[in-house]
Amino acid sequence: MSTTERAGRKEWIALGVLALPLLLVSMDVSVLYFAVPYISADLGVNATEQLWIFDIYGFVLAGLLITMGSLGDRIGRRRLLIFGAVAFGLASVVAAYAQNPEQLIAARAVLGIGGATLMPSTLALIRNMFHDAGQRQKAIAFWSAVMMGGISLGPVFGGFLLEHFWWGSVFLANIPAMILLLILAPILLPEFKAPTGGRFDLLGSVLSLAAVLPIIWGIKELAAHGTASLPVVAIVAGLVFGVLFVQRQRTAAYPMIELAMFRNRAFSGSLAANTIGMVALVGNAIFMTQYLQLVQGLSPLKAALWSLAPSVVVGGAAPLATTLAKRFDRAYVTGGAFLLAAGGFAVLTQVRVESSLAVILTGAGLLAAGLVMVMSLVTEAIVGSVTPERAGSASAVMETCSEFGGALGIAVLGSIGTAAYRADLPANAIAPLREGLPSATAAATHLPGPAAEALLATARHAFTHSLNTISVVGALLLVTTAIITTLTLRRTTTPDAAPTTSPADPELAPADH
């Protein structure tokens, strides 16, 4: 297929089909927020098991993204997508009817495997279907909006289901979409695999898993429990395996990742920008959620609904980025988007305990709008800077970096916020107060009225101070990133390399228009 050929109606309908798995995979990151108390009561889940129910999905997803991206390049992206849909659907049924914590943890792990096959496949197939750069920009803007929307909708959707059904409904909701995907994918989606993919690199896959999992786990453990030797050892071990993985990619006959991709400034610079964007987005989200619930006193469902309010602004951010990138150098648009997001953090520095919801929602809206613009632009740059044969592995690398960015956001901004919170407390603060706002709120329920109010007032003031502090840090980080990104990406191009597969292949023949 010529790179100048434009996609037709079939491709745009197929894009809607690809939105189904992407929406569900991104929602599954956050859909359990409200379900955990119900699951704990029904299955007798202890604190450790609860953490594994939450985290195993993200761990497996992050660890297998590179493997699944490379596998899709070799066996076919549509085939891998269908396999992922089957695995995701079956695991959802098992999770919904789990009889004990172990079954639920195992089902969540299989959901992670399914998610790891679905996410890089969706983006790689977009690269195959939309060869015209302008159309691909619009398609990827839509992809970015769906992914962000899924993360935001997860808590709301979960809260709605739990008000009307039992906790297993949050998993069964995946089934209709997966069935629809299995019906429509063979009809609407083209198959694509790299013609020179070669043998699958099993050793490289094991090394990538051994590198990613310990680092992600170690970062999250440090964020949750502070400095400890085991998480540090895990991170160091992961870095060692990461070096071995890179060396394997240098010497393997058929590497999982072409290291030459990283010599392209459009690719490596966009990858770094995407990672920093996720640091800011996830790091802020954990503070915003607590502020709405524990400072403003909103119920979890109301907090989730109010957190959707900025989506009115965010919805137009990705298309706006695409439009601006057609008229101006992408580097300046990306830098401007980072500055817009930094402006959101600047607004959040003014949030107080007594502030109206408008202040935090305005700040969160500007932050999210700027970061959605960034992610839409850099995603298109990453996918457009590689040949279609390498789109799967490039997508997987990007999404793995996103997982690292999210973990770092929780660890770095979370740690700074915790330090700022404790610095604002009086020297004689009781232990529950020093542990954080959730612990202080729980402790207040066992105190008489005046003492409870005093404890909550102190905790809420300290927490708001921590929110202001991480907002200052976040603003500085994004302004710095805006400058570096602009300088790095200036005058870079994302050439559309023609695929090496023959157009005579019926699976890759131009669509009828």
Protein backbone atom coordinates (compact mmCIF):
# COMPACT_ATOMS: atom_id res chain seq x y z
CA MET A 1 0.00 0.00 0.00
CA SER A 2 1.32 3.39 -0.90
CA THR A 3 1.86 5.67 2.01
CA THR A 4 -0.19 8.38 0.25
CA GLU A 5 -3.34 6.26 -0.03
CA ARG A 6 -6.13 7.50 2.17
CA ALA A 7 -8.25 5.33 4.42
CA GLY A 8 -11.90 4.88 3.59
CA ARG A 9 -15.10 4.25 5.51
CA LYS A 10 -14.11 0.69 6.40
CA GLU A 11 -10.95 1.86 8.18
CA TRP A 12 -12.80 4.50 10.20
CA ILE A 13 -15.42 1.96 11.28
CA ALA A 14 -12.57 -0.40 12.17
CA LEU A 15 -11.10 2.35 14.35
CA GLY A 16 -14.34 2.30 16.35
CA VAL A 17 -13.93 -1.46 16.75
CA LEU A 18 -10.39 -0.96 18.07
CA ALA A 19 -11.74 1.51 20.62
CA LEU A 20 -13.62 -1.33 22.38
CA PRO A 21 -10.63 -3.23 23.79
CA LEU A 22 -8.69 -0.03 24.45
CA LEU A 23 -11.56 1.43 26.49
CA LEU A 24 -11.96 -1.72 28.55
CA VAL A 25 -8.24 -2.25 29.19
CA SER A 26 -7.80 1.36 30.34
CA MET A 27 -10.96 1.17 32.49
CA ASP A 28 -9.73 -2.01 34.17
CA VAL A 29 -6.87 -0.02 35.70
CA SER A 30 -9.31 1.95 37.87
CA VAL A 31 -12.64 0.08 37.85
CA LEU A 32 -11.88 -1.73 41.14
CA TYR A 33 -11.56 1.45 43.22
CA PHE A 34 -15.06 1.11 44.68
CA ALA A 35 -15.37 -2.69 44.50
CA VAL A 36 -12.64 -3.60 47.00
CA PRO A 37 -14.79 -3.21 50.18
CA TYR A 38 -17.45 -5.49 48.68
CA ILE A 39 -14.86 -8.03 47.52
CA SER A 40 -13.15 -7.97 50.92
CA ALA A 41 -16.44 -8.60 52.74
CA ASP A 42 -17.49 -11.41 50.39
CA LEU A 43 -14.18 -13.25 49.95
CA GLY A 44 -12.47 -12.44 53.25
CA VAL A 45 -9.55 -10.61 51.64
CA ASN A 46 -6.68 -9.55 53.90
CA ALA A 47 -4.55 -6.44 53.35
CA THR A 48 -1.80 -8.24 51.41
CA GLU A 49 -4.28 -10.02 49.14
CA GLN A 50 -6.06 -6.73 48.54
CA LEU A 51 -2.83 -5.16 47.30
CA TRP A 52 -2.21 -8.09 44.95
CA ILE A 53 -5.77 -7.90 43.59
CA PHE A 54 -5.11 -4.26 42.75
CA ASP A 55 -1.52 -4.52 41.52
CA ILE A 56 -1.17 -7.87 39.73
CA TYR A 57 -3.06 -6.58 36.68
CA GLY A 58 -0.71 -3.64 36.18
CA PHE A 59 2.41 -5.71 36.92
CA VAL A 60 1.60 -8.38 34.34
CA LEU A 61 0.44 -5.79 31.81
CA ALA A 62 3.66 -3.78 32.12
CA GLY A 63 5.90 -6.84 32.12
CA LEU A 64 4.45 -8.37 28.95
CA LEU A 65 3.89 -5.31 26.74
CA ILE A 66 7.25 -5.57 24.94
CA THR A 67 6.85 -9.33 24.51
CA MET A 68 3.34 -9.03 23.10
CA GLY A 69 4.24 -6.14 20.82
CA SER A 70 7.06 -8.17 19.31
CA LEU A 71 4.88 -11.29 19.11
CA GLY A 72 2.18 -9.38 17.24
CA ASP A 73 4.75 -8.19 14.70
CA ARG A 74 5.57 -11.84 14.03
CA ILE A 75 2.31 -13.83 14.23
CA GLY A 76 -0.06 -11.09 13.10
CA ARG A 77 -1.59 -8.18 15.01
CA ARG A 78 -5.20 -9.08 14.31
CA ARG A 79 -4.56 -12.66 15.41
CA LEU A 80 -2.96 -11.45 18.64
CA LEU A 81 -5.84 -9.02 19.21
CA ILE A 82 -8.37 -11.84 18.89
CA PHE A 83 -6.34 -14.04 21.24
CA GLY A 84 -6.25 -11.19 23.74
CA ALA A 85 -10.01 -10.68 23.48
CA VAL A 86 -10.64 -14.36 24.22
CA ALA A 87 -8.25 -14.34 27.19
CA PHE A 88 -9.69 -11.08 28.51
CA GLY A 89 -13.28 -12.32 28.20
CA LEU A 90 -12.66 -15.70 29.85
CA ALA A 91 -10.63 -14.15 32.67
CA SER A 92 -13.44 -11.63 33.26
CA VAL A 93 -15.92 -14.49 33.82
CA VAL A 94 -13.53 -16.25 36.22
CA ALA A 95 -12.93 -13.00 38.12
CA ALA A 96 -16.65 -12.27 38.41
CA TYR A 97 -17.38 -15.66 39.97
CA ALA A 98 -14.17 -16.09 41.98
CA GLN A 99 -14.77 -18.04 45.19
CA ASN A 100 -11.62 -16.96 47.02
CA PRO A 101 -8.86 -14.31 46.83
CA GLU A 102 -6.43 -16.66 45.09
CA GLN A 103 -8.82 -17.24 42.19
CA LEU A 104 -9.43 -13.52 41.83
CA ILE A 105 -5.70 -12.72 41.86
CA ALA A 106 -5.07 -15.38 39.21
CA ALA A 107 -7.92 -14.06 37.07
CA ARG A 108 -6.57 -10.52 37.35
CA ALA A 109 -3.16 -11.81 36.21
CA VAL A 110 -4.74 -13.37 33.10
CA LEU A 111 -6.59 -10.09 32.51
CA GLY A 112 -3.16 -8.46 32.51
CA ILE A 113 -1.96 -10.92 29.88
CA GLY A 114 -5.00 -10.13 27.75
CA GLY A 115 -4.49 -6.40 28.23
CA ALA A 116 -0.84 -6.68 27.19
CA THR A 117 -1.91 -8.26 23.90
CA LEU A 118 -4.70 -5.76 23.24
CA MET A 119 -2.99 -2.40 23.85
CA PRO A 120 0.00 -2.55 21.45
CA SER A 121 -2.14 -4.35 18.87
CA THR A 122 -4.68 -1.52 18.71
CA LEU A 123 -2.07 1.17 18.11
CA ALA A 124 -0.05 -0.94 15.68
CA LEU A 125 -3.16 -1.71 13.60
CA ILE A 126 -3.89 2.02 13.41
CA ARG A 127 -0.41 2.43 11.88
CA ASN A 128 -1.31 -0.23 9.32
CA MET A 129 -4.75 1.17 8.44
CA PHE A 130 -3.92 4.88 8.29
CA HIS A 131 -0.90 5.48 6.06
CA ASP A 132 -1.81 9.08 5.28
CA ALA A 133 -0.13 11.22 7.96
CA GLY A 134 -3.07 13.62 8.38
CA GLN A 135 -5.60 10.83 8.80
CA ARG A 136 -3.31 8.96 11.16
CA GLN A 137 -3.00 12.04 13.36
CA LYS A 138 -6.79 12.16 13.71
CA ALA A 139 -6.99 8.44 14.39
CA ILE A 140 -4.32 8.60 17.09
CA ALA A 141 -5.96 11.66 18.63
CA PHE A 142 -9.11 9.54 18.92
CA TRP A 143 -7.04 6.65 20.37
CA SER A 144 -5.53 8.96 23.00
CA ALA A 145 -8.92 10.37 23.96
CA VAL A 146 -10.42 6.88 24.35
CA MET A 147 -7.52 5.72 26.53
CA MET A 148 -7.74 8.75 28.81
CA GLY A 149 -11.51 8.51 28.87
CA GLY A 150 -11.36 4.88 29.97
CA ILE A 151 -9.12 5.69 32.93
CA SER A 152 -11.51 8.48 33.99
CA LEU A 153 -14.68 6.47 33.41
CA GLY A 154 -13.49 3.40 35.32
CA PRO A 155 -14.41 4.62 38.83
CA VAL A 156 -17.73 6.11 37.67
CA PHE A 157 -18.71 2.97 35.77
CA GLY A 158 -17.66 0.77 38.67
CA GLY A 159 -19.57 2.91 41.16
CA PHE A 160 -22.73 2.80 39.05
CA LEU A 161 -22.62 -1.00 38.70
CA LEU A 162 -22.00 -1.51 42.42
CA GLU A 163 -25.05 0.57 43.28
CA HIS A 164 -27.26 -1.79 41.27
CA PHE A 165 -25.48 -5.19 41.10
CA TRP A 166 -22.94 -7.35 42.95
CA TRP A 167 -19.20 -6.75 42.69
CA GLY A 168 -18.71 -9.33 39.93
CA SER A 169 -20.65 -7.09 37.54
CA VAL A 170 -17.60 -4.85 37.09
CA PHE A 171 -15.92 -7.79 35.38
CA LEU A 172 -18.91 -9.16 33.47
CA ALA A 173 -19.38 -5.77 31.82
CA ASN A 174 -16.33 -6.67 29.68
CA ILE A 175 -18.05 -9.62 28.03
CA PRO A 176 -20.44 -7.92 25.54
CA ALA A 177 -17.67 -5.72 24.18
CA MET A 178 -15.29 -8.65 23.77
CA ILE A 179 -17.95 -10.71 21.96
CA LEU A 180 -18.59 -7.77 19.62
CA LEU A 181 -14.85 -7.45 19.00
CA LEU A 182 -14.55 -11.15 18.16
CA ILE A 183 -17.38 -10.84 15.63
CA LEU A 184 -16.25 -7.62 13.94
CA ALA A 185 -12.43 -7.92 14.04
CA PRO A 186 -12.14 -10.63 11.33
CA ILE A 187 -14.49 -8.62 9.09
CA LEU A 188 -13.16 -5.08 9.49
CA LEU A 189 -9.54 -5.29 10.66
CA PRO A 190 -6.66 -6.10 8.28
CA GLU A 191 -4.09 -8.66 9.26
CA PHE A 192 -0.48 -7.52 9.35
CA LYS A 193 2.78 -9.11 10.37
CA ALA A 194 6.36 -8.22 9.65
CA PRO A 195 7.51 -10.19 6.57
CA THR A 196 11.07 -10.41 7.95
CA GLY A 197 10.17 -10.89 11.61
CA GLY A 198 12.13 -14.11 12.00
CA ARG A 199 12.02 -16.35 15.05
CA PHE A 200 10.52 -15.09 18.26
CA ASP A 201 13.23 -14.13 20.76
CA LEU A 202 12.27 -16.19 23.82
CA LEU A 203 15.40 -15.23 25.79
CA GLY A 204 14.78 -11.55 25.04
CA SER A 205 11.20 -11.94 26.26
CA VAL A 206 12.35 -13.47 29.57
CA LEU A 207 14.94 -10.72 30.04
CA SER A 208 12.39 -7.96 29.34
CA LEU A 209 10.03 -9.45 31.92
CA ALA A 210 12.88 -9.79 34.43
CA ALA A 211 13.80 -6.13 33.85
CA VAL A 212 10.37 -4.50 33.94
CA LEU A 213 8.62 -6.39 36.78
CA PRO A 214 11.18 -5.83 39.58
CA ILE A 215 11.54 -2.13 38.74
CA ILE A 216 7.78 -1.48 38.67
CA TRP A 217 7.28 -3.47 41.88
CA GLY A 218 10.19 -1.79 43.63
CA ILE A 219 9.05 1.72 42.74
CA LYS A 220 5.50 1.02 43.95
CA GLU A 221 6.76 -0.54 47.19
CA LEU A 222 8.96 2.46 47.91
CA ALA A 223 6.02 4.77 47.24
CA ALA A 224 3.71 2.78 49.53
CA HIS A 225 6.02 1.94 52.44
CA GLY A 226 9.05 4.21 52.22
CA THR A 227 12.71 3.25 51.99
CA ALA A 228 13.39 -0.46 52.42
CA SER A 229 16.16 -2.77 51.27
CA LEU A 230 14.11 -5.33 49.31
CA PRO A 231 12.50 -2.84 46.86
CA VAL A 232 15.90 -1.20 46.28
CA VAL A 233 17.45 -4.63 45.57
CA ALA A 234 14.56 -5.38 43.18
CA ILE A 235 15.12 -2.14 41.27
CA VAL A 236 18.86 -2.78 41.00
CA ALA A 237 18.20 -6.34 39.80
CA GLY A 238 15.74 -5.02 37.24
CA LEU A 239 18.30 -2.54 35.96
CA VAL A 240 20.88 -5.33 35.62
CA PHE A 241 18.42 -7.42 33.60
CA GLY A 242 17.63 -4.29 31.58
CA VAL A 243 21.29 -4.00 30.59
CA LEU A 244 21.30 -7.68 29.65
CA PHE A 245 18.14 -7.17 27.60
CA VAL A 246 19.71 -4.29 25.68
CA GLN A 247 22.82 -6.38 25.04
CA ARG A 248 20.62 -9.21 23.80
CA GLN A 249 18.92 -6.85 21.37
CA ARG A 250 22.32 -5.79 20.05
CA THR A 251 23.39 -9.34 19.28
CA ALA A 252 20.18 -11.28 18.51
CA ALA A 253 19.59 -12.32 14.91
CA TYR A 254 15.93 -11.30 15.22
CA PRO A 255 15.71 -8.74 18.04
CA MET A 256 12.41 -7.84 19.71
CA ILE A 257 13.27 -4.14 19.49
CA GLU A 258 15.33 -2.39 16.86
CA LEU A 259 17.67 -0.24 18.97
CA ALA A 260 18.21 1.99 15.95
CA MET A 261 14.75 3.45 16.66
CA PHE A 262 16.19 5.25 19.66
CA ARG A 263 18.68 7.15 17.49
CA ASN A 264 15.75 8.96 15.89
CA ARG A 265 15.12 12.16 17.89
CA ALA A 266 11.45 12.13 16.97
CA PHE A 267 11.12 8.69 18.56
CA SER A 268 13.34 8.98 21.65
CA GLY A 269 12.36 12.59 22.43
CA SER A 270 8.66 11.78 22.13
CA LEU A 271 9.13 8.70 24.30
CA ALA A 272 10.69 10.79 27.07
CA ALA A 273 7.94 13.42 26.77
CA ASN A 274 5.25 10.74 27.08
CA THR A 275 6.90 9.32 30.21
CA ILE A 276 7.09 12.72 31.92
CA GLY A 277 3.47 13.38 30.98
CA MET A 278 2.41 10.18 32.76
CA VAL A 279 4.48 11.14 35.82
CA ALA A 280 2.50 14.37 36.10
CA LEU A 281 -0.89 12.88 35.27
CA VAL A 282 -0.81 9.93 37.66
CA GLY A 283 1.04 11.79 40.40
CA ASN A 284 -1.64 14.49 40.47
CA ALA A 285 -4.55 12.03 40.24
CA ILE A 286 -3.82 10.38 43.60
CA PHE A 287 -3.93 13.79 45.33
CA MET A 288 -7.01 15.03 43.51
CA THR A 289 -9.00 11.91 44.41
CA GLN A 290 -8.19 12.27 48.11
CA TYR A 291 -8.89 16.01 48.07
CA LEU A 292 -12.37 15.56 46.61
CA GLN A 293 -13.32 12.75 48.99
CA LEU A 294 -11.53 13.57 52.26
CA VAL A 295 -11.22 17.37 52.15
CA GLN A 296 -14.37 18.33 50.25
CA GLY A 297 -16.28 15.43 51.83
CA LEU A 298 -17.75 14.00 48.62
CA SER A 299 -18.83 10.38 48.37
CA PRO A 300 -16.63 8.21 46.12
CA LEU A 301 -19.22 8.18 43.32
CA LYS A 302 -19.81 11.95 43.53
CA ALA A 303 -16.06 12.54 43.56
CA ALA A 304 -15.69 10.37 40.46
CA LEU A 305 -18.53 12.20 38.71
CA TRP A 306 -17.07 15.63 39.54
CA SER A 307 -13.67 14.46 38.33
CA LEU A 308 -15.28 13.93 34.91
CA ALA A 309 -16.23 17.61 34.68
CA PRO A 310 -12.87 18.65 33.15
CA SER A 311 -13.45 16.13 30.34
CA VAL A 312 -15.61 18.77 28.65
CA VAL A 313 -12.38 20.69 28.04
CA VAL A 314 -10.21 17.62 27.59
CA GLY A 315 -12.47 16.18 24.87
CA GLY A 316 -11.37 18.83 22.39
CA ALA A 317 -7.69 18.82 23.37
CA ALA A 318 -6.47 15.98 21.13
CA PRO A 319 -8.20 17.28 17.95
CA LEU A 320 -6.90 20.77 18.71
CA ALA A 321 -3.35 19.42 18.99
CA THR A 322 -3.74 17.69 15.62
CA THR A 323 -4.99 20.90 13.99
CA LEU A 324 -2.18 23.02 15.42
CA ALA A 325 0.47 20.46 14.41
CA LYS A 326 -0.58 20.90 10.79
CA ARG A 327 0.18 24.63 10.90
CA PHE A 328 3.16 24.83 13.25
CA ASP A 329 6.24 22.80 14.08
CA ARG A 330 5.14 19.88 16.25
CA ALA A 331 7.90 20.69 18.74
CA TYR A 332 6.42 24.11 19.54
CA VAL A 333 2.90 22.71 19.84
CA THR A 334 4.14 19.99 22.21
CA GLY A 335 6.09 22.54 24.26
CA GLY A 336 3.02 24.78 24.41
CA ALA A 337 0.89 21.85 25.57
CA PHE A 338 3.34 21.18 28.40
CA LEU A 339 3.10 24.86 29.39
CA LEU A 340 -0.71 24.60 29.39
CA ALA A 341 -0.45 21.60 31.70
CA ALA A 342 2.01 23.52 33.90
CA GLY A 343 -0.62 26.28 34.09
CA GLY A 344 -3.01 23.68 35.50
CA PHE A 345 -0.49 22.88 38.23
CA ALA A 346 -0.12 26.63 38.87
CA VAL A 347 -3.87 26.87 39.52
CA LEU A 348 -3.66 23.90 41.89
CA THR A 349 -1.05 25.76 43.98
CA GLN A 350 -3.92 28.08 44.99
CA VAL A 351 -6.24 25.34 46.28
CA ARG A 352 -7.17 25.72 49.94
CA VAL A 353 -9.28 23.66 52.35
CA GLU A 354 -12.17 26.09 51.92
CA SER A 355 -11.78 26.48 48.14
CA SER A 356 -14.72 25.87 45.86
CA LEU A 357 -14.72 22.88 43.56
CA ALA A 358 -14.25 25.25 40.64
CA VAL A 359 -10.62 25.91 41.59
CA ILE A 360 -9.42 22.30 41.66
CA LEU A 361 -11.53 21.31 38.65
CA THR A 362 -10.14 24.22 36.61
CA GLY A 363 -6.58 23.27 37.51
CA ALA A 364 -7.18 19.58 36.85
CA GLY A 365 -8.89 20.40 33.55
CA LEU A 366 -6.00 22.52 32.27
CA LEU A 367 -3.50 19.88 33.39
CA ALA A 368 -5.39 17.06 31.71
CA ALA A 369 -6.03 19.04 28.52
CA GLY A 370 -2.36 19.91 28.15
CA LEU A 371 -1.21 16.35 28.81
CA VAL A 372 -3.77 14.83 26.43
CA MET A 373 -2.43 17.17 23.73
CA VAL A 374 1.12 16.05 24.54
CA MET A 375 0.26 12.37 24.48
CA SER A 376 -1.67 12.63 21.24
CA LEU A 377 1.24 14.41 19.52
CA VAL A 378 4.02 12.20 20.85
CA THR A 379 2.08 9.00 20.20
CA GLU A 380 1.68 9.97 16.56
CA ALA A 381 5.38 10.89 16.40
CA ILE A 382 6.44 7.55 17.92
CA VAL A 383 4.23 5.45 15.65
CA GLY A 384 4.92 7.57 12.56
CA SER A 385 8.69 7.49 13.00
CA VAL A 386 8.93 3.71 12.51
CA THR A 387 8.00 1.47 9.62
CA PRO A 388 4.67 -0.38 9.81
CA GLU A 389 6.62 -3.61 10.42
CA ARG A 390 7.93 -2.18 13.72
CA ALA A 391 4.75 -0.43 14.86
CA GLY A 392 3.90 -3.20 17.34
CA SER A 393 7.21 -3.14 19.18
CA ALA A 394 7.34 0.68 19.09
CA SER A 395 3.84 0.87 20.58
CA ALA A 396 4.80 -1.62 23.28
CA VAL A 397 7.91 0.38 24.22
CA MET A 398 5.80 3.54 24.49
CA GLU A 399 3.19 1.87 26.68
CA THR A 400 5.86 0.29 28.88
CA CYS A 401 7.36 3.75 29.41
CA SER A 402 3.86 4.97 30.28
CA GLU A 403 3.66 2.32 33.00
CA PHE A 404 7.05 3.44 34.33
CA GLY A 405 5.88 7.05 34.23
CA GLY A 406 2.76 6.22 36.22
CA ALA A 407 4.75 4.31 38.84
CA LEU A 408 7.27 7.16 39.10
CA GLY A 409 4.45 9.68 39.43
CA ILE A 410 3.10 7.84 42.46
CA ALA A 411 6.58 7.30 43.93
CA VAL A 412 8.22 10.68 43.34
CA LEU A 413 5.32 13.12 43.65
CA GLY A 414 3.75 10.90 46.31
CA SER A 415 6.93 10.94 48.39
CA ILE A 416 7.31 14.71 48.04
CA GLY A 417 3.67 15.15 49.02
CA THR A 418 4.10 12.92 52.07
CA ALA A 419 7.15 14.88 53.21
CA ALA A 420 5.29 18.18 52.77
CA TYR A 421 2.27 16.81 54.66
CA ARG A 422 4.35 15.76 57.66
CA ALA A 423 6.35 18.99 57.65
CA ASP A 424 3.10 20.93 58.10
CA LEU A 425 2.02 18.94 61.17
CA PRO A 426 2.71 19.98 64.77
CA ALA A 427 5.63 18.21 66.45
CA ASN A 428 3.33 16.36 68.86
CA ALA A 429 1.04 14.94 66.12
CA ILE A 430 -0.40 11.50 66.95
CA ALA A 431 0.59 8.49 64.82
CA PRO A 432 -2.64 8.22 62.74
CA LEU A 433 -2.32 11.90 61.86
CA ARG A 434 1.28 11.44 60.72
CA GLU A 435 0.37 8.43 58.58
CA GLY A 436 -1.76 10.54 56.26
CA LEU A 437 -5.19 11.99 55.63
CA PRO A 438 -6.98 8.60 55.19
CA SER A 439 -5.65 7.34 58.53
CA ALA A 440 -6.49 10.62 60.26
CA THR A 441 -10.02 10.51 58.83
CA ALA A 442 -10.48 6.94 60.09
CA ALA A 443 -9.12 7.86 63.54
CA ALA A 444 -11.49 10.85 63.79
CA THR A 445 -14.52 8.53 63.72
CA HIS A 446 -13.51 7.18 67.14
CA LEU A 447 -13.08 10.60 68.79
CA PRO A 448 -15.63 12.93 70.39
CA GLY A 449 -16.93 15.83 68.26
CA PRO A 450 -14.53 18.70 69.11
CA ALA A 451 -11.45 16.44 69.11
CA ALA A 452 -12.49 14.86 65.80
CA GLU A 453 -13.00 18.28 64.20
CA ALA A 454 -9.61 19.50 65.40
CA LEU A 455 -7.88 16.37 64.08
CA LEU A 456 -9.61 16.63 60.69
CA ALA A 457 -8.87 20.34 60.40
CA THR A 458 -5.16 19.75 61.02
CA ALA A 459 -5.00 16.81 58.60
CA ARG A 460 -6.92 18.60 55.84
CA HIS A 461 -4.76 21.71 56.12
CA ALA A 462 -1.57 19.63 55.96
CA PHE A 463 -2.88 17.61 53.02
CA THR A 464 -3.83 20.75 51.09
CA HIS A 465 -0.33 22.09 51.78
CA SER A 466 1.10 18.86 50.31
CA LEU A 467 -1.14 19.25 47.23
CA ASN A 468 0.16 22.80 46.76
CA THR A 469 3.75 21.59 47.14
CA ILE A 470 3.54 18.81 44.56
CA SER A 471 1.79 21.28 42.24
CA VAL A 472 4.78 23.63 42.46
CA VAL A 473 7.13 20.71 41.76
CA GLY A 474 4.90 19.51 38.92
CA ALA A 475 4.74 22.95 37.34
CA LEU A 476 8.54 23.29 37.42
CA LEU A 477 8.94 19.78 35.98
CA LEU A 478 6.57 20.51 33.09
CA VAL A 479 8.06 23.92 32.29
CA THR A 480 11.52 22.32 32.17
CA THR A 481 10.18 19.50 30.01
CA ALA A 482 8.53 22.04 27.69
CA ILE A 483 11.89 23.73 27.06
CA ILE A 484 13.84 20.48 26.59
CA THR A 485 11.14 18.93 24.38
CA THR A 486 10.96 21.97 22.14
CA LEU A 487 14.73 22.03 21.67
CA THR A 488 14.94 18.24 21.15
CA LEU A 489 12.07 17.87 18.68
CA ARG A 490 12.63 21.01 16.60
CA ARG A 491 12.82 20.30 12.90
CA THR A 492 12.37 16.56 13.42
CA THR A 493 10.18 14.72 10.98
CA THR A 494 8.21 11.51 11.23
CA PRO A 495 8.72 10.02 7.79
CA ASP A 496 6.18 7.50 6.62
CA ALA A 497 8.33 4.58 5.57
CA ALA A 498 6.67 2.40 3.02
CA PRO A 499 5.92 -1.11 4.21
CA THR A 500 8.03 -3.84 2.77
CA THR A 501 5.09 -6.21 2.32
CA SER A 502 3.87 -6.67 -1.20
CA PRO A 503 0.52 -5.02 -2.00
CA ALA A 504 -0.43 -8.24 -3.70
CA ASP A 505 -1.08 -9.71 -0.27
CA PRO A 506 -4.89 -9.69 -0.08
CA GLU A 507 -4.79 -8.92 3.63
CA LEU A 508 -2.86 -5.71 2.93
CA ALA A 509 -4.42 -4.63 -0.33
CA PRO A 510 -5.81 -1.09 -0.42
CA ALA A 511 -9.32 -0.84 0.96
CA ASP A 512 -12.15 -0.09 -1.41
CA HIS A 513 -13.20 3.53 -1.28
